[in-house]
């Protein structure tokens, strides 16, 4: 499971010009899923994200987490995070899980992060042509991969 986490001042997702989700201070998570991902990946990644100290404290040092600031979250499925660009110029997405596997894991991730955060989170619409707008704060952008825990 791979997540691209962006600290935002605001973010929103629209589908067919209809607002699906909107948040203020928090994170936008783009989530890529592969066939090998498990519930252990979900639990580890969710806890890592809600506890990441990427928000400024009173000295403007990144010392606070989503939990500390009461931040908001949007989770958007993003199969292109598993693109392979090794050969040629057209990315291959063969590593990305097919919807039959990805959808249940995506939904479980959403449930887990809501549990860990203690509140509802916004989402995209799985498989839809989404328009994602954000104001990246910092900018702060972090990639986390459960198969490469650095």
N, C-alpha and C. Protein backbone atom coordinates (compact mmCIF):
# COMPACT_ATOMS: atom_id res chain seq x y z
N UNK A 1 0.86 -1.17 0.00
CA UNK A 1 0.00 0.00 0.00
C UNK A 1 0.90 1.23 0.00
N UNK A 2 0.59 2.13 -0.86
CA UNK A 2 1.40 3.34 -1.00
C UNK A 2 0.51 4.56 -0.83
N UNK A 3 0.99 5.50 -0.02
CA UNK A 3 0.22 6.72 0.22
C UNK A 3 1.08 7.93 -0.06
N UNK A 4 0.51 8.88 -0.76
CA UNK A 4 1.12 10.19 -0.94
C UNK A 4 0.31 11.13 -0.07
N UNK A 5 0.96 11.70 0.95
CA UNK A 5 0.29 12.52 1.94
C UNK A 5 0.68 13.97 1.70
N UNK A 6 -0.31 14.82 1.55
CA UNK A 6 -0.06 16.24 1.35
C UNK A 6 -0.74 17.03 2.45
N UNK A 7 0.07 17.82 3.18
CA UNK A 7 -0.49 18.70 4.21
C UNK A 7 -1.18 19.84 3.47
N UNK A 8 -2.43 20.09 3.83
CA UNK A 8 -3.21 21.09 3.10
C UNK A 8 -3.86 22.11 4.02
N UNK A 9 -4.04 23.31 3.48
CA UNK A 9 -4.86 24.33 4.14
C UNK A 9 -6.32 24.13 3.77
N UNK A 10 -6.52 23.56 2.58
CA UNK A 10 -7.85 23.19 2.13
C UNK A 10 -7.72 22.24 0.95
N UNK A 11 -8.75 21.42 0.76
CA UNK A 11 -8.78 20.49 -0.37
C UNK A 11 -10.24 20.14 -0.65
N UNK A 12 -10.49 19.79 -1.91
CA UNK A 12 -11.83 19.32 -2.26
C UNK A 12 -11.75 18.37 -3.45
N UNK A 13 -12.77 17.53 -3.54
CA UNK A 13 -12.90 16.56 -4.63
C UNK A 13 -14.26 16.77 -5.26
N UNK A 14 -14.26 16.88 -6.59
CA UNK A 14 -15.51 16.96 -7.33
C UNK A 14 -15.55 15.87 -8.39
N UNK A 15 -16.76 15.41 -8.68
CA UNK A 15 -17.01 14.45 -9.76
C UNK A 15 -18.19 14.98 -10.54
N UNK A 16 -18.02 15.11 -11.85
CA UNK A 16 -19.06 15.67 -12.71
C UNK A 16 -19.57 17.01 -12.18
N UNK A 17 -18.65 17.84 -11.75
CA UNK A 17 -18.91 19.18 -11.24
C UNK A 17 -19.74 19.19 -9.94
N UNK A 18 -19.83 18.04 -9.29
CA UNK A 18 -20.54 17.94 -8.01
C UNK A 18 -19.53 17.76 -6.89
N UNK A 19 -19.64 18.55 -5.84
CA UNK A 19 -18.73 18.44 -4.70
C UNK A 19 -18.96 17.11 -3.99
N UNK A 20 -17.87 16.36 -3.80
CA UNK A 20 -17.94 15.07 -3.12
C UNK A 20 -17.40 15.19 -1.71
N UNK A 21 -16.27 15.88 -1.55
CA UNK A 21 -15.63 16.07 -0.24
C UNK A 21 -14.93 17.41 -0.20
N UNK A 22 -14.85 17.96 1.01
CA UNK A 22 -14.16 19.23 1.20
C UNK A 22 -13.63 19.27 2.62
N UNK A 23 -12.37 19.71 2.78
CA UNK A 23 -11.79 19.86 4.12
C UNK A 23 -11.03 21.18 4.21
N UNK A 24 -10.75 21.55 5.43
CA UNK A 24 -9.86 22.67 5.70
C UNK A 24 -8.53 22.07 6.15
N UNK A 25 -7.91 22.57 7.19
CA UNK A 25 -6.59 22.12 7.63
C UNK A 25 -6.56 20.61 7.88
N UNK A 26 -5.59 19.96 7.25
CA UNK A 26 -5.44 18.52 7.41
C UNK A 26 -4.56 17.93 6.35
N UNK A 27 -4.92 16.71 5.90
CA UNK A 27 -4.14 16.05 4.85
C UNK A 27 -5.04 15.46 3.78
N UNK A 28 -4.51 15.51 2.57
CA UNK A 28 -5.10 14.81 1.43
C UNK A 28 -4.22 13.58 1.23
N UNK A 29 -4.84 12.40 1.24
CA UNK A 29 -4.11 11.15 1.07
C UNK A 29 -4.50 10.54 -0.27
N UNK A 30 -3.52 10.38 -1.14
CA UNK A 30 -3.72 9.62 -2.38
C UNK A 30 -3.24 8.22 -2.07
N UNK A 31 -4.10 7.21 -2.26
CA UNK A 31 -3.83 5.84 -1.81
C UNK A 31 -3.78 4.88 -2.98
N UNK A 32 -2.64 4.19 -3.12
CA UNK A 32 -2.47 3.17 -4.15
C UNK A 32 -2.41 1.79 -3.50
N UNK A 33 -3.12 0.83 -4.08
CA UNK A 33 -3.24 -0.51 -3.50
C UNK A 33 -2.75 -1.55 -4.50
N UNK A 34 -2.02 -2.55 -3.97
CA UNK A 34 -1.57 -3.69 -4.78
C UNK A 34 -2.20 -4.97 -4.22
N UNK A 35 -2.16 -6.06 -5.02
CA UNK A 35 -2.79 -7.32 -4.63
C UNK A 35 -2.27 -7.86 -3.30
N UNK A 36 -1.01 -7.61 -2.99
CA UNK A 36 -0.39 -8.18 -1.79
C UNK A 36 -0.76 -7.44 -0.51
N UNK A 37 -1.44 -6.31 -0.61
CA UNK A 37 -1.77 -5.54 0.58
C UNK A 37 -2.74 -6.31 1.48
N UNK A 38 -2.57 -6.09 2.80
CA UNK A 38 -3.35 -6.81 3.79
C UNK A 38 -3.92 -5.83 4.82
N UNK A 39 -4.70 -6.38 5.73
CA UNK A 39 -5.24 -5.56 6.82
C UNK A 39 -4.11 -5.05 7.71
N UNK A 40 -3.02 -5.79 7.83
CA UNK A 40 -1.87 -5.31 8.60
C UNK A 40 -1.31 -4.02 7.98
N UNK A 41 -1.26 -3.96 6.65
CA UNK A 41 -0.80 -2.75 5.96
C UNK A 41 -1.74 -1.58 6.28
N UNK A 42 -3.03 -1.85 6.27
CA UNK A 42 -4.03 -0.82 6.54
C UNK A 42 -3.84 -0.24 7.94
N UNK A 43 -3.74 -1.11 8.93
CA UNK A 43 -3.60 -0.65 10.32
C UNK A 43 -2.31 0.14 10.50
N UNK A 44 -1.21 -0.41 10.00
CA UNK A 44 0.09 0.26 10.16
C UNK A 44 0.08 1.64 9.49
N UNK A 45 -0.41 1.70 8.25
CA UNK A 45 -0.40 2.95 7.50
C UNK A 45 -1.32 4.00 8.12
N UNK A 46 -2.49 3.60 8.52
CA UNK A 46 -3.42 4.55 9.14
C UNK A 46 -2.82 5.14 10.41
N UNK A 47 -2.28 4.31 11.27
CA UNK A 47 -1.69 4.81 12.52
C UNK A 47 -0.49 5.69 12.25
N UNK A 48 0.30 5.34 11.26
CA UNK A 48 1.46 6.16 10.90
C UNK A 48 0.98 7.55 10.46
N UNK A 49 -0.02 7.60 9.62
CA UNK A 49 -0.49 8.88 9.08
C UNK A 49 -1.09 9.76 10.17
N UNK A 50 -1.98 9.22 11.00
CA UNK A 50 -2.63 10.08 11.99
C UNK A 50 -1.67 10.58 13.05
N UNK A 51 -0.54 9.89 13.22
CA UNK A 51 0.46 10.30 14.22
C UNK A 51 1.65 11.04 13.64
N UNK A 52 1.71 11.21 12.31
CA UNK A 52 2.82 11.94 11.69
C UNK A 52 2.86 13.37 12.22
N UNK A 53 4.00 13.76 12.71
CA UNK A 53 4.14 15.12 13.26
C UNK A 53 4.59 16.05 12.13
N UNK A 54 3.60 16.53 11.38
CA UNK A 54 3.89 17.38 10.22
C UNK A 54 3.21 18.75 10.30
N UNK A 55 2.65 19.06 11.46
CA UNK A 55 1.99 20.35 11.66
C UNK A 55 2.77 21.16 12.68
N UNK A 56 2.80 22.47 12.45
CA UNK A 56 3.60 23.35 13.29
C UNK A 56 3.07 23.52 14.70
N UNK A 57 4.01 23.63 15.65
CA UNK A 57 3.65 23.95 17.03
C UNK A 57 3.76 25.46 17.23
N UNK A 58 3.75 25.90 18.48
CA UNK A 58 3.81 27.34 18.78
C UNK A 58 5.11 27.99 18.32
N UNK A 59 6.15 27.18 18.07
CA UNK A 59 7.43 27.70 17.56
C UNK A 59 7.59 27.45 16.06
N UNK A 60 6.50 27.05 15.42
CA UNK A 60 6.47 26.74 14.00
C UNK A 60 7.42 25.59 13.63
N UNK A 61 7.57 24.65 14.56
CA UNK A 61 8.34 23.43 14.33
C UNK A 61 7.33 22.30 14.10
N UNK A 62 7.58 21.46 13.11
CA UNK A 62 6.65 20.36 12.83
C UNK A 62 6.71 19.34 13.98
N UNK A 63 5.83 19.53 14.94
CA UNK A 63 5.80 18.71 16.14
C UNK A 63 4.41 18.17 16.46
N UNK A 64 3.42 18.55 15.66
CA UNK A 64 2.04 18.15 15.96
C UNK A 64 1.49 17.26 14.85
N UNK A 65 0.61 16.37 15.27
CA UNK A 65 -0.02 15.41 14.35
C UNK A 65 -1.46 15.83 14.05
N UNK A 66 -2.08 15.10 13.15
CA UNK A 66 -3.51 15.31 12.89
C UNK A 66 -4.32 15.21 14.18
N UNK A 67 -3.97 14.24 15.03
CA UNK A 67 -4.68 14.06 16.29
C UNK A 67 -4.53 15.28 17.18
N UNK A 68 -3.31 15.85 17.22
CA UNK A 68 -3.05 17.01 18.08
C UNK A 68 -3.82 18.26 17.64
N UNK A 69 -3.98 18.44 16.34
CA UNK A 69 -4.60 19.67 15.84
C UNK A 69 -6.08 19.50 15.48
N UNK A 70 -6.59 18.27 15.58
CA UNK A 70 -7.97 18.03 15.17
C UNK A 70 -8.15 18.17 13.67
N UNK A 71 -7.11 17.80 12.92
CA UNK A 71 -7.11 17.97 11.47
C UNK A 71 -8.09 17.06 10.74
N UNK A 72 -8.36 17.44 9.52
CA UNK A 72 -9.30 16.70 8.67
C UNK A 72 -8.54 15.90 7.61
N UNK A 73 -9.23 14.95 6.99
CA UNK A 73 -8.61 14.05 6.02
C UNK A 73 -9.55 13.82 4.85
N UNK A 74 -8.96 13.77 3.65
CA UNK A 74 -9.64 13.22 2.47
C UNK A 74 -8.76 12.09 1.95
N UNK A 75 -9.38 10.94 1.64
CA UNK A 75 -8.68 9.79 1.07
C UNK A 75 -9.20 9.58 -0.35
N UNK A 76 -8.27 9.57 -1.32
CA UNK A 76 -8.62 9.39 -2.73
C UNK A 76 -7.85 8.20 -3.28
N UNK A 77 -8.56 7.27 -3.92
CA UNK A 77 -7.89 6.13 -4.55
C UNK A 77 -7.06 6.62 -5.73
N UNK A 78 -5.86 6.04 -5.89
CA UNK A 78 -4.92 6.55 -6.91
C UNK A 78 -4.07 5.39 -7.42
N UNK A 79 -4.61 4.63 -8.37
CA UNK A 79 -3.87 3.47 -8.87
C UNK A 79 -2.56 3.85 -9.54
N UNK A 80 -2.45 5.08 -10.04
CA UNK A 80 -1.23 5.49 -10.74
C UNK A 80 -0.02 5.62 -9.81
N UNK A 81 -0.23 5.56 -8.50
CA UNK A 81 0.91 5.58 -7.57
C UNK A 81 1.78 4.34 -7.74
N UNK A 82 1.24 3.30 -8.36
CA UNK A 82 2.00 2.07 -8.59
C UNK A 82 2.44 1.93 -10.05
N UNK A 83 2.55 3.05 -10.72
CA UNK A 83 3.00 3.04 -12.12
C UNK A 83 4.45 2.57 -12.21
N UNK A 84 4.71 1.75 -13.20
CA UNK A 84 6.09 1.35 -13.50
C UNK A 84 6.52 2.10 -14.76
N UNK A 85 7.63 2.80 -14.65
CA UNK A 85 8.15 3.56 -15.80
C UNK A 85 9.49 3.01 -16.27
N UNK A 86 9.76 1.77 -15.91
CA UNK A 86 11.05 1.15 -16.22
C UNK A 86 11.30 1.03 -17.72
N UNK A 87 10.27 0.63 -18.46
CA UNK A 87 10.44 0.42 -19.90
C UNK A 87 9.59 1.41 -20.68
N UNK A 88 10.19 2.02 -21.67
CA UNK A 88 9.44 2.91 -22.55
C UNK A 88 8.96 4.17 -21.87
N UNK A 89 8.02 4.83 -22.52
CA UNK A 89 7.50 6.10 -22.03
C UNK A 89 6.04 6.03 -21.60
N UNK A 90 5.43 4.87 -21.77
CA UNK A 90 4.05 4.71 -21.34
C UNK A 90 4.06 3.92 -20.04
N UNK A 91 3.60 4.53 -18.95
CA UNK A 91 3.61 3.82 -17.67
C UNK A 91 2.75 2.57 -17.70
N UNK A 92 3.20 1.56 -16.98
CA UNK A 92 2.44 0.33 -16.82
C UNK A 92 1.82 0.34 -15.42
N UNK A 93 0.57 -0.05 -15.35
CA UNK A 93 -0.14 -0.07 -14.07
C UNK A 93 -0.47 -1.49 -13.64
N UNK A 94 0.28 -2.45 -14.14
CA UNK A 94 0.00 -3.85 -13.88
C UNK A 94 0.10 -4.21 -12.40
N UNK A 95 0.91 -3.47 -11.64
CA UNK A 95 1.05 -3.76 -10.20
C UNK A 95 -0.16 -3.31 -9.39
N UNK A 96 -0.91 -2.34 -9.89
CA UNK A 96 -2.07 -1.83 -9.16
C UNK A 96 -3.14 -2.91 -9.08
N UNK A 97 -3.75 -3.02 -7.90
CA UNK A 97 -4.80 -4.02 -7.70
C UNK A 97 -6.03 -3.70 -8.53
N UNK A 98 -6.68 -4.72 -9.03
CA UNK A 98 -7.94 -4.57 -9.74
C UNK A 98 -9.04 -4.21 -8.73
N UNK A 99 -10.12 -3.59 -9.19
CA UNK A 99 -11.18 -3.14 -8.27
C UNK A 99 -11.71 -4.21 -7.32
N UNK A 100 -11.80 -5.45 -7.76
CA UNK A 100 -12.34 -6.51 -6.90
C UNK A 100 -11.51 -6.66 -5.62
N UNK A 101 -10.23 -6.38 -5.69
CA UNK A 101 -9.35 -6.42 -4.51
C UNK A 101 -9.22 -5.04 -3.90
N UNK A 102 -9.05 -4.03 -4.74
CA UNK A 102 -8.75 -2.68 -4.26
C UNK A 102 -9.92 -2.03 -3.52
N UNK A 103 -11.13 -2.18 -4.00
CA UNK A 103 -12.27 -1.50 -3.38
C UNK A 103 -12.46 -1.90 -1.91
N UNK A 104 -12.50 -3.21 -1.59
CA UNK A 104 -12.65 -3.56 -0.17
C UNK A 104 -11.50 -3.06 0.70
N UNK A 105 -10.27 -3.08 0.18
CA UNK A 105 -9.14 -2.58 0.96
C UNK A 105 -9.21 -1.07 1.13
N UNK A 106 -9.61 -0.37 0.10
CA UNK A 106 -9.80 1.08 0.18
C UNK A 106 -10.85 1.42 1.24
N UNK A 107 -11.96 0.71 1.22
CA UNK A 107 -13.03 0.96 2.19
C UNK A 107 -12.58 0.63 3.61
N UNK A 108 -11.80 -0.45 3.77
CA UNK A 108 -11.28 -0.80 5.10
C UNK A 108 -10.28 0.26 5.58
N UNK A 109 -9.47 0.80 4.65
CA UNK A 109 -8.54 1.86 5.04
C UNK A 109 -9.31 3.08 5.55
N UNK A 110 -10.36 3.45 4.84
CA UNK A 110 -11.18 4.59 5.25
C UNK A 110 -11.75 4.35 6.65
N UNK A 111 -12.29 3.17 6.88
CA UNK A 111 -12.83 2.84 8.20
C UNK A 111 -11.76 2.89 9.28
N UNK A 112 -10.57 2.38 8.97
CA UNK A 112 -9.48 2.37 9.94
C UNK A 112 -9.02 3.78 10.28
N UNK A 113 -8.87 4.62 9.27
CA UNK A 113 -8.39 5.98 9.55
C UNK A 113 -9.46 6.77 10.30
N UNK A 114 -10.74 6.51 10.02
CA UNK A 114 -11.80 7.16 10.81
C UNK A 114 -11.73 6.72 12.26
N UNK A 115 -11.48 5.44 12.48
CA UNK A 115 -11.36 4.92 13.84
C UNK A 115 -10.16 5.55 14.55
N UNK A 116 -9.00 5.57 13.88
CA UNK A 116 -7.79 6.11 14.49
C UNK A 116 -7.86 7.61 14.71
N UNK A 117 -8.54 8.31 13.81
CA UNK A 117 -8.66 9.76 13.90
C UNK A 117 -9.80 10.19 14.83
N UNK A 118 -10.79 9.32 14.96
CA UNK A 118 -11.93 9.62 15.82
C UNK A 118 -12.96 10.52 15.17
N UNK A 119 -12.97 10.52 13.83
CA UNK A 119 -13.97 11.32 13.11
C UNK A 119 -14.10 10.82 11.68
N UNK A 120 -15.18 11.24 11.03
CA UNK A 120 -15.39 10.89 9.63
C UNK A 120 -14.35 11.58 8.76
N UNK A 121 -14.01 10.93 7.65
CA UNK A 121 -13.09 11.53 6.69
C UNK A 121 -13.80 11.66 5.35
N UNK A 122 -13.30 12.58 4.53
CA UNK A 122 -13.82 12.73 3.18
C UNK A 122 -13.19 11.70 2.27
N UNK A 123 -13.82 11.44 1.15
CA UNK A 123 -13.28 10.48 0.18
C UNK A 123 -13.51 11.00 -1.22
N UNK A 124 -12.88 10.30 -2.13
CA UNK A 124 -13.18 10.47 -3.54
C UNK A 124 -14.23 9.43 -3.90
N UNK A 125 -14.38 9.18 -5.20
CA UNK A 125 -15.28 8.14 -5.69
C UNK A 125 -14.41 7.15 -6.44
N UNK A 126 -14.30 5.93 -5.93
CA UNK A 126 -13.41 4.94 -6.51
C UNK A 126 -13.69 4.77 -8.01
N UNK A 127 -12.66 4.89 -8.81
CA UNK A 127 -12.74 4.66 -10.24
C UNK A 127 -13.32 5.81 -11.05
N UNK A 128 -13.77 6.86 -10.39
CA UNK A 128 -14.37 7.99 -11.12
C UNK A 128 -13.29 8.93 -11.65
N UNK A 129 -13.67 9.74 -12.61
CA UNK A 129 -12.81 10.82 -13.10
C UNK A 129 -13.01 11.98 -12.13
N UNK A 130 -12.09 12.09 -11.19
CA UNK A 130 -12.21 13.09 -10.12
C UNK A 130 -11.37 14.31 -10.44
N UNK A 131 -11.81 15.43 -9.95
CA UNK A 131 -11.04 16.67 -9.96
C UNK A 131 -10.67 16.95 -8.51
N UNK A 132 -9.38 16.95 -8.23
CA UNK A 132 -8.89 17.15 -6.88
C UNK A 132 -8.17 18.49 -6.82
N UNK A 133 -8.67 19.36 -5.97
CA UNK A 133 -8.05 20.67 -5.79
C UNK A 133 -7.51 20.75 -4.37
N UNK A 134 -6.32 21.36 -4.24
CA UNK A 134 -5.76 21.50 -2.91
C UNK A 134 -4.85 22.70 -2.84
N UNK A 135 -4.70 23.20 -1.63
CA UNK A 135 -3.71 24.22 -1.35
C UNK A 135 -2.72 23.54 -0.42
N UNK A 136 -1.59 23.09 -1.02
CA UNK A 136 -0.56 22.39 -0.26
C UNK A 136 0.09 23.39 0.67
N UNK A 137 0.11 23.06 1.95
CA UNK A 137 0.63 23.94 2.99
C UNK A 137 2.08 23.58 3.26
N UNK A 138 2.98 24.46 2.91
CA UNK A 138 4.41 24.25 3.17
C UNK A 138 5.28 24.54 1.97
N UNK A 139 5.31 23.74 0.96
CA UNK A 139 4.57 22.49 0.78
C UNK A 139 5.16 21.35 1.60
N UNK A 140 4.28 20.51 2.10
CA UNK A 140 4.69 19.29 2.79
C UNK A 140 4.02 18.13 2.06
N UNK A 141 4.84 17.27 1.45
CA UNK A 141 4.36 16.10 0.73
C UNK A 141 5.25 14.93 1.10
N UNK A 142 4.64 13.84 1.57
CA UNK A 142 5.39 12.67 2.07
C UNK A 142 4.82 11.42 1.43
N UNK A 143 5.70 10.53 0.98
CA UNK A 143 5.28 9.24 0.44
C UNK A 143 5.62 8.16 1.46
N UNK A 144 4.65 7.30 1.72
CA UNK A 144 4.85 6.16 2.61
C UNK A 144 4.43 4.91 1.88
N UNK A 145 5.28 3.88 1.93
CA UNK A 145 4.99 2.61 1.28
C UNK A 145 5.11 1.52 2.34
N UNK A 146 4.05 0.76 2.55
CA UNK A 146 4.07 -0.27 3.58
C UNK A 146 5.02 -1.41 3.25
N UNK A 147 5.45 -1.51 2.01
CA UNK A 147 6.39 -2.57 1.61
C UNK A 147 7.84 -2.09 1.72
N UNK A 148 8.03 -0.81 2.03
CA UNK A 148 9.36 -0.21 2.13
C UNK A 148 9.34 0.80 3.27
N UNK A 149 9.27 0.29 4.48
CA UNK A 149 9.11 1.15 5.67
C UNK A 149 10.43 1.82 6.01
N UNK A 150 10.56 3.07 5.57
CA UNK A 150 11.79 3.83 5.82
C UNK A 150 11.60 4.79 6.97
